[in-house]
Protein backbone atom coordinates (compact mmCIF):
# COMPACT_ATOMS: atom_id res chain seq x y z
CA MET A 1 38.10 40.58 15.33
CA ALA A 2 37.93 37.05 15.40
CA GLN A 3 34.74 36.61 18.20
CA HIS A 4 33.11 39.41 15.78
CA ARG A 5 32.57 37.34 12.94
CA ALA A 6 32.18 34.29 14.93
CA ALA A 7 29.47 36.07 16.99
CA PRO A 8 26.27 36.38 14.11
CA ALA A 9 27.65 31.82 13.83
CA ILE A 10 26.40 31.37 17.04
CA ARG A 11 23.30 33.15 16.38
CA ALA A 12 22.44 31.41 13.54
CA VAL A 13 24.04 28.28 15.42
CA THR A 14 22.21 28.90 18.58
CA ALA A 15 18.24 29.98 17.05
CA ILE A 16 18.27 26.65 14.72
CA ASP A 17 18.59 25.12 17.95
CA ALA A 18 15.16 26.65 19.62
CA ALA A 19 13.26 25.83 16.52
CA PHE A 20 13.84 22.94 16.62
CA ALA A 21 14.40 21.81 20.17
CA ASP A 22 11.40 20.05 19.96
CA ARG A 23 12.61 16.68 19.21
CA SER A 24 9.81 14.40 20.03
CA GLU A 25 7.97 14.52 16.66
CA TRP A 26 10.79 13.28 15.04
CA PRO A 27 10.63 9.64 15.34
CA THR A 28 6.85 9.54 13.57
CA LEU A 29 8.34 11.85 10.79
CA ILE A 30 10.59 9.37 10.24
CA ASP A 31 8.62 6.57 10.36
CA ASP A 32 6.14 8.42 8.15
CA ALA A 33 8.95 8.82 5.60
CA ARG A 34 10.13 5.25 5.65
CA VAL A 35 6.25 4.52 5.15
CA ASN A 36 6.24 6.93 2.23
CA ALA A 37 9.53 5.66 1.11
CA ASP A 38 7.99 2.70 0.93
CA VAL A 39 5.31 3.10 -1.18
CA ALA A 40 6.73 4.45 -3.60
CA GLN A 41 8.85 2.04 -4.14
CA SER A 42 6.90 -0.41 -4.12
CA ILE A 43 5.37 1.16 -6.81
CA TYR A 44 8.05 1.46 -9.24
CA ALA A 45 9.22 -1.71 -9.32
CA LEU A 46 5.62 -3.42 -9.59
CA ARG A 47 5.88 -0.73 -12.11
CA THR A 48 9.19 -1.61 -13.75
CA ALA A 49 8.64 -6.10 -12.90
CA ALA A 50 5.39 -5.74 -15.80
CA GLY A 51 7.98 -3.41 -18.27
CA LEU A 52 5.78 -0.57 -18.52
CA THR A 53 5.82 3.05 -18.64
CA GLN A 54 4.45 5.07 -16.02
CA ARG A 55 2.23 6.82 -19.21
CA ALA A 56 1.45 3.12 -20.32
CA LEU A 57 0.48 2.32 -16.30
CA ALA A 58 -1.17 6.12 -16.20
CA GLU A 59 -3.61 4.89 -19.28
CA ARG A 60 -4.53 1.08 -17.24
CA VAL A 61 -5.91 3.09 -13.96
CA ALA A 62 -7.47 6.90 -16.09
CA SER A 63 -5.25 8.92 -14.56
CA THR A 64 -1.82 10.10 -16.28
CA GLN A 65 2.09 10.06 -16.58
CA SER A 66 2.92 13.26 -13.38
CA ALA A 67 0.68 11.46 -10.85
CA ILE A 68 2.38 7.92 -11.62
CA ALA A 69 5.48 9.81 -10.84
CA ARG A 70 4.39 11.70 -7.96
CA LEU A 71 3.23 8.68 -6.16
CA GLU A 72 6.69 6.82 -6.84
CA ASP A 73 8.17 9.84 -5.44
CA SER A 74 9.13 9.19 -2.07
CA ASP A 75 8.63 12.78 -0.26
CA TYR A 76 5.71 12.15 -1.35
CA ARG A 77 2.48 12.61 1.14
CA GLY A 78 -1.25 11.74 -0.77
CA HIS A 79 -1.38 8.55 -1.70
CA SER A 80 -4.64 7.10 -1.60
CA LEU A 81 -5.22 4.09 -0.92
CA SER A 82 -8.34 3.73 -3.87
CA MET A 83 -5.33 5.03 -5.93
CA LEU A 84 -2.88 2.10 -4.43
CA ILE A 85 -5.71 -0.63 -5.30
CA ARG A 86 -6.16 0.30 -8.78
CA ILE A 87 -2.44 0.14 -9.09
CA ALA A 88 -2.56 -2.80 -7.68
CA ARG A 89 -5.01 -4.09 -9.61
CA ALA A 90 -3.80 -2.69 -13.11
CA LEU A 91 -0.66 -5.33 -12.82
CA GLY A 92 -2.00 -8.13 -10.99
CA HIS A 93 -2.37 -7.35 -6.76
CA GLU A 94 -3.02 -6.76 -4.45
CA VAL A 95 -2.91 -3.76 -1.69
CA THR A 96 -2.56 -5.24 1.93
CA VAL A 97 -3.29 -2.99 5.11
CA SER A 98 -1.71 -3.50 8.49
CA PHE A 99 -1.21 -1.30 11.90
CA ALA A 100 1.12 -2.56 14.52
CA ALA A 101 1.70 -1.48 17.79
CA CYS A 102 3.87 0.85 18.36
CA ALA A 103 6.61 1.25 21.50
CA ASN A 104 5.96 3.82 23.99
CA ARG A 105 8.09 6.80 23.80
CA SER A 106 10.32 8.11 26.09
CA GLY A 107 9.82 11.99 26.69
CA GLY A 108 6.46 13.17 27.23
CA GLY A 109 5.83 14.12 23.62
CA LYS A 110 2.33 14.11 21.23
CA SER A 111 3.22 11.00 20.71
CA ALA A 112 4.34 9.14 23.77
CA GLY A 113 2.31 6.78 25.01
CA ARG A 114 -0.51 6.77 21.83
CA SER A 115 -0.60 4.22 18.96
CA ARG A 116 0.93 5.35 15.92
CA ARG A 117 -0.42 3.81 12.43
CA ARG A 118 1.84 2.56 10.46
CA ALA A 119 0.97 1.42 6.93
CA GLY A 120 2.47 -0.47 5.00
CA VAL A 121 1.54 -1.96 1.37
CA HIS A 122 2.36 -5.23 0.53
CA SER A 123 1.36 -7.31 -2.88
CA GLU A 124 0.81 -10.60 -3.46
CA ASN A 125 0.98 -12.63 -6.79
CA GLY A 126 -1.70 -14.04 -7.97
CA ARG A 127 -0.80 -17.27 -6.36
CA GLY A 128 -0.10 -15.60 -2.84
CA GLU A 129 3.39 -15.03 -2.84
CA ALA A 130 5.30 -12.32 -1.51
CA THR A 131 6.14 -10.06 -4.17
CA ARG A 132 9.18 -8.10 -1.37
CA PRO A 133 8.68 -9.62 2.31
CA ARG A 134 7.41 -7.09 5.11
CA ARG A 135 9.20 -5.28 7.46
CA ARG A 136 8.23 -5.97 10.83
CA ARG A 137 8.85 -4.25 13.77
């Protein structure tokens, strides 16, 4: 009887394993998620350091509170450079973007052997001092 009940679970695990068998894109997805989280955290940190609510920042950049909330959500992927620049300027900062070469990945997947874009957001105050350290690989 135990084998009969285990069979659906084994089939489910087999199906999940087959669906996620190509793990070659995982490092890219993880890097993208990390960049999104960094951008969201940077916006939140700058806004709160300025003592602003989401609504107050939205008014400064001619947007809505819900748009600022989305930008501060680490799962959000729609960050536009123009909006990031508007936010940075409203908070007395600037946006810099850097591209860094990535090490080749083994496995021969789509990302192996290619350089991928890795954009980071780094803000400086008016005196050229970093408001948060850059993460380098």
